């Protein structure tokens, strides 16, 4: 058999139909037609709705880990923010408490200073303002130390007063400080005057019945003291302050 008489066409199994260019043009035209028809008549809207409904559970299941991670991160950040805010609030509260305490202390000191300033014009003798440094370590004595001494003009026997009355007497003088024995000390004594009966006497320190108050010498003075009549100090030894009540 000659080669010219052989059938060169491929078998039916290998036939590919139209050419690739023809298929491209056909499917492109079909796609354009479907897009135009869907845009005008909404042909594929039911299909899209069915696909969206079918894929919604899958989308939610895939989105759940992301939401859990985001929520956990937000929770941790919230805890950290709350802890930081609590620390800041506690710090501010402590500062405000300190300021309030300091304000109360300053107001009390201001009231005392005002009372002392009002007291100074009423004193007919030379006065020196002093501040208490500390109390004596002896538990059986009522003494304290002030920040004024002989260099400031403080002398032994000088009375110590505040806005309420006579506190005590300077018993020891140092160059920069002085020791003050309070009237409640058991060895303290001060001359007093009963403003009602004009009777003079002496008030001694010590604690009667644990009251921490002074006691008056003599029965009549004791009766006056029990009746709570007013007693005032009188000048003695050139260093007393007359007319001031003992504290």
Protein backbone atom coordinates (compact mmCIF):
# COMPACT_ATOMS: atom_id res chain seq x y z
CA UNK A 1 0.00 0.00 0.00
CA UNK A 2 1.31 3.31 -1.01
CA UNK A 3 1.76 6.08 1.50
CA UNK A 4 -0.51 8.37 -0.49
CA UNK A 5 -3.47 6.07 0.01
CA UNK A 6 -3.17 6.07 3.90
CA UNK A 7 -5.84 7.94 5.98
CA UNK A 8 -4.02 10.71 7.84
CA UNK A 9 -7.03 11.84 9.97
CA UNK A 10 -6.75 11.06 13.74
CA UNK A 11 -9.02 8.36 15.13
CA UNK A 12 -12.33 9.40 16.69
CA UNK A 13 -10.91 8.98 20.19
CA UNK A 14 -8.31 11.77 19.67
CA UNK A 15 -10.57 14.26 17.93
CA UNK A 16 -10.60 17.62 19.91
CA UNK A 17 -13.61 19.40 18.37
CA UNK A 18 -13.45 23.15 17.69
CA UNK A 19 -10.17 24.97 17.92
CA UNK A 20 -8.96 26.71 21.04
CA UNK A 21 -9.55 30.16 19.56
CA UNK A 22 -13.13 29.27 18.78
CA UNK A 23 -13.68 28.04 22.34
CA UNK A 24 -12.15 31.23 23.80
CA UNK A 25 -14.40 33.47 21.77
CA UNK A 26 -17.49 31.36 22.58
CA UNK A 27 -16.94 31.27 26.32
CA UNK A 28 -15.99 34.95 26.43
CA UNK A 29 -19.22 35.90 24.72
CA UNK A 30 -21.17 33.59 27.07
CA UNK A 31 -19.53 35.21 30.13
CA UNK A 32 -20.32 38.70 28.87
CA UNK A 33 -23.93 37.65 28.22
CA UNK A 34 -24.32 36.11 31.68
CA UNK A 35 -22.88 39.20 33.36
CA UNK A 36 -25.17 41.50 31.42
CA UNK A 37 -28.21 39.28 32.05
CA UNK A 38 -27.40 38.99 35.78
CA UNK A 39 -26.93 42.74 36.04
CA UNK A 40 -30.27 43.39 34.39
CA UNK A 41 -32.55 40.50 35.39
CA UNK A 42 -30.75 39.08 38.49
CA UNK A 43 -30.66 35.61 37.11
CA UNK A 44 -28.02 34.22 39.49
CA UNK A 45 -29.40 35.89 42.65
CA UNK A 46 -31.13 32.72 43.93
CA UNK A 47 -27.98 30.73 43.26
CA UNK A 48 -25.84 33.21 45.19
CA UNK A 49 -28.31 33.20 48.06
CA UNK A 50 -28.27 29.41 48.24
CA UNK A 51 -24.46 29.32 48.16
CA UNK A 52 -24.21 32.02 50.86
CA UNK A 53 -26.65 30.11 53.08
CA UNK A 54 -24.76 26.87 52.60
CA UNK A 55 -21.34 28.43 53.23
CA UNK A 56 -22.38 30.53 56.27
CA UNK A 57 -21.85 27.75 58.90
CA UNK A 58 -18.46 26.98 57.42
CA UNK A 59 -17.48 30.66 57.52
CA UNK A 60 -18.62 30.95 61.14
CA UNK A 61 -16.74 27.79 62.16
CA UNK A 62 -13.58 29.07 60.48
CA UNK A 63 -14.00 32.51 62.09
CA UNK A 64 -14.53 31.13 65.63
CA UNK A 65 -10.80 30.54 66.43
CA UNK A 66 -9.98 34.04 65.25
CA UNK A 67 -12.69 35.54 67.45
CA UNK A 68 -11.57 33.46 70.42
CA UNK A 69 -7.99 34.63 70.01
CA UNK A 70 -9.06 38.25 69.62
CA UNK A 71 -11.32 38.05 72.70
CA UNK A 72 -8.59 36.40 74.77
CA UNK A 73 -6.08 39.09 73.77
CA UNK A 74 -8.61 41.84 74.57
CA UNK A 75 -9.33 40.22 77.95
CA UNK A 76 -5.65 40.07 78.86
CA UNK A 77 -5.13 43.65 77.74
CA UNK A 78 -8.17 44.70 79.77
CA UNK A 79 -6.81 43.00 82.89
CA UNK A 80 -3.45 44.68 82.42
CA UNK A 81 -5.12 48.05 81.87
CA UNK A 82 -7.32 47.57 84.95
CA UNK A 83 -4.32 46.62 87.10
CA UNK A 84 -2.39 49.65 85.88
CA UNK A 85 -5.36 51.91 86.55
CA UNK A 86 -5.74 50.41 90.05
CA UNK A 87 -2.09 51.03 90.82
CA UNK A 88 -2.38 54.63 89.62
CA UNK A 89 -5.59 55.11 91.62
CA UNK A 90 -4.01 53.67 94.78
CA UNK A 91 -0.98 55.93 94.33
CA UNK A 92 -3.19 58.97 93.85
CA UNK A 93 -5.33 57.97 96.84
CA UNK A 94 -2.23 57.60 99.01
CA UNK A 95 -1.00 61.02 97.87
CA UNK A 96 -4.41 62.56 98.54
CA UNK A 97 -4.53 60.94 101.99
CA UNK A 98 -1.06 62.26 102.73
CA UNK A 99 -2.06 65.71 101.52
CA UNK A 100 -5.27 65.61 103.58
CA UNK A 101 -3.34 64.55 106.68
CA UNK A 102 -0.75 67.23 106.04
CA UNK A 103 -3.52 69.77 105.48
CA UNK A 104 -5.16 68.86 108.80
CA UNK A 105 -1.81 69.15 110.54
CA UNK A 106 -1.10 72.51 108.91
CA UNK A 107 -4.56 73.78 109.86
CA UNK A 108 -4.03 72.70 113.46
CA UNK A 109 -0.61 74.37 113.52
CA UNK A 110 -2.12 77.47 111.91
CA UNK A 111 -4.81 77.65 114.59
CA UNK A 112 -2.18 77.29 117.32
CA UNK A 113 0.00 79.97 115.72
CA UNK A 114 -2.98 82.30 115.45
CA UNK A 115 -3.79 81.69 119.11
CA UNK A 116 -0.15 82.33 120.05
CA UNK A 117 -0.11 85.52 117.98
CA UNK A 118 -3.24 86.68 119.77
CA UNK A 119 -1.60 85.76 123.09
CA UNK A 120 1.63 87.71 122.55
CA UNK A 121 0.11 91.24 122.83
CA UNK A 122 -1.58 90.20 126.11
CA UNK A 123 1.75 89.30 127.73
CA UNK A 124 3.33 92.15 129.62
CA UNK A 125 6.76 90.52 129.72
CA UNK A 126 9.26 89.67 127.03
CA UNK A 127 8.26 86.45 125.26
CA UNK A 128 10.16 84.05 123.00
CA UNK A 129 8.46 81.65 120.58
CA UNK A 130 9.76 78.09 120.88
CA UNK A 131 9.06 74.65 119.43
CA UNK A 132 9.08 71.36 121.26
CA UNK A 133 11.87 69.04 120.17
CA UNK A 134 11.14 65.84 122.11
CA UNK A 135 10.01 64.52 125.46
CA UNK A 136 12.33 63.27 128.19
CA UNK A 137 13.06 59.56 128.22
CA UNK A 138 12.32 59.22 131.95
CA UNK A 139 8.81 57.72 132.23
CA UNK A 140 8.44 59.03 135.82
CA UNK A 141 8.95 62.69 134.94
CA UNK A 142 6.95 65.07 132.79
CA UNK A 143 9.65 67.03 131.01
CA UNK A 144 10.21 68.13 127.44
CA UNK A 145 12.90 70.00 125.53
CA UNK A 146 12.45 73.12 123.40
CA UNK A 147 14.61 74.54 120.62
CA UNK A 148 15.53 77.73 122.48
CA UNK A 149 18.43 78.13 124.91
CA UNK A 150 20.65 80.62 126.66
CA UNK A 151 21.80 82.02 123.31
CA UNK A 152 18.19 83.09 122.69
CA UNK A 153 17.74 84.70 126.11
CA UNK A 154 16.02 81.79 127.89
CA UNK A 155 16.72 81.73 131.65
CA UNK A 156 16.05 79.12 134.31
CA UNK A 157 12.71 79.60 136.05
CA UNK A 158 11.02 81.21 133.04
CA UNK A 159 7.40 80.11 132.55
CA UNK A 160 6.27 78.30 129.42
CA UNK A 161 2.79 79.19 128.16
CA UNK A 162 0.60 78.47 125.19
CA UNK A 163 -2.81 79.71 124.06
CA UNK A 164 -4.53 77.66 126.80
CA UNK A 165 -2.41 78.79 129.75
CA UNK A 166 0.76 77.95 131.64
CA UNK A 167 2.36 74.65 130.66
CA UNK A 168 5.37 74.56 132.93
CA UNK A 169 8.67 76.15 133.85
CA UNK A 170 12.18 76.12 132.40
CA UNK A 171 14.35 74.12 134.80
CA UNK A 172 17.54 73.52 132.80
CA UNK A 173 19.08 75.82 130.20
CA UNK A 174 21.61 74.85 127.54
CA UNK A 175 23.16 76.99 124.81
CA UNK A 176 20.77 75.82 122.07
CA UNK A 177 17.99 74.11 124.01
CA UNK A 178 16.23 74.07 127.35
CA UNK A 179 14.40 71.55 129.53
CA UNK A 180 10.84 72.38 130.57
CA UNK A 181 9.18 70.74 133.57
CA UNK A 182 5.44 70.50 133.03
CA UNK A 183 2.96 71.39 135.75
CA UNK A 184 1.82 67.78 135.87
CA UNK A 185 5.27 66.67 137.04
CA UNK A 186 5.29 65.46 140.66
CA UNK A 187 8.03 67.94 141.60
CA UNK A 188 6.40 70.96 139.92
CA UNK A 189 4.77 73.79 141.87
CA UNK A 190 3.25 77.12 140.81
CA UNK A 191 1.56 79.96 142.75
CA UNK A 192 -2.13 80.38 141.90
CA UNK A 193 -4.96 82.78 142.71
CA UNK A 194 -8.62 81.90 143.15
CA UNK A 195 -10.40 84.47 140.99
CA UNK A 196 -13.60 84.17 143.03
CA UNK A 197 -12.36 84.29 146.60
CA UNK A 198 -9.09 86.12 145.78
CA UNK A 199 -7.27 83.58 147.94
CA UNK A 200 -3.69 82.78 147.04
CA UNK A 201 -2.13 79.37 147.16
CA UNK A 202 0.08 76.91 145.33
CA UNK A 203 -0.67 74.20 142.80
CA UNK A 204 1.50 71.10 142.78
CA UNK A 205 1.96 68.58 140.05
CA UNK A 206 1.45 64.86 140.20
CA UNK A 207 -1.44 62.57 139.43
CA UNK A 208 -4.34 62.26 141.81
CA UNK A 209 -6.26 59.13 140.97
CA UNK A 210 -4.57 58.89 137.56
CA UNK A 211 -6.18 62.14 136.34
CA UNK A 212 -2.89 63.84 135.44
CA UNK A 213 -4.07 67.20 136.89
CA UNK A 214 -2.53 69.60 139.39
CA UNK A 215 -3.57 69.58 143.04
CA UNK A 216 -3.98 72.67 145.21
CA UNK A 217 -2.45 73.06 148.62
CA UNK A 218 -4.88 73.50 151.53
CA UNK A 219 -8.35 72.19 152.11
CA UNK A 220 -10.13 75.31 150.98
CA UNK A 221 -8.24 75.29 147.69
CA UNK A 222 -9.09 71.61 147.25
CA UNK A 223 -12.78 72.47 147.77
CA UNK A 224 -12.49 75.23 145.19
CA UNK A 225 -10.84 72.82 142.79
CA UNK A 226 -13.60 70.22 143.23
CA UNK A 227 -16.16 72.95 142.52
CA UNK A 228 -14.21 73.79 139.36
CA UNK A 229 -13.70 77.45 140.18
CA UNK A 230 -11.25 79.29 137.98
CA UNK A 231 -7.64 79.51 139.15
CA UNK A 232 -5.07 81.86 137.65
CA UNK A 233 -1.32 82.10 138.11
CA UNK A 234 0.40 84.99 139.81
CA UNK A 235 3.88 86.40 139.34
CA UNK A 236 6.64 84.94 141.50
CA UNK A 237 10.43 85.34 141.61
CA UNK A 238 10.29 87.92 138.87
CA UNK A 239 9.65 85.35 136.13
CA UNK A 240 5.94 84.52 136.55
CA UNK A 241 3.08 85.35 134.21
CA UNK A 242 0.14 86.77 136.10
CA UNK A 243 -3.43 86.08 135.11
CA UNK A 244 -2.84 82.93 133.02
CA UNK A 245 -4.70 79.74 133.97
CA UNK A 246 -2.60 76.63 134.63
CA UNK A 247 -3.08 73.91 132.00
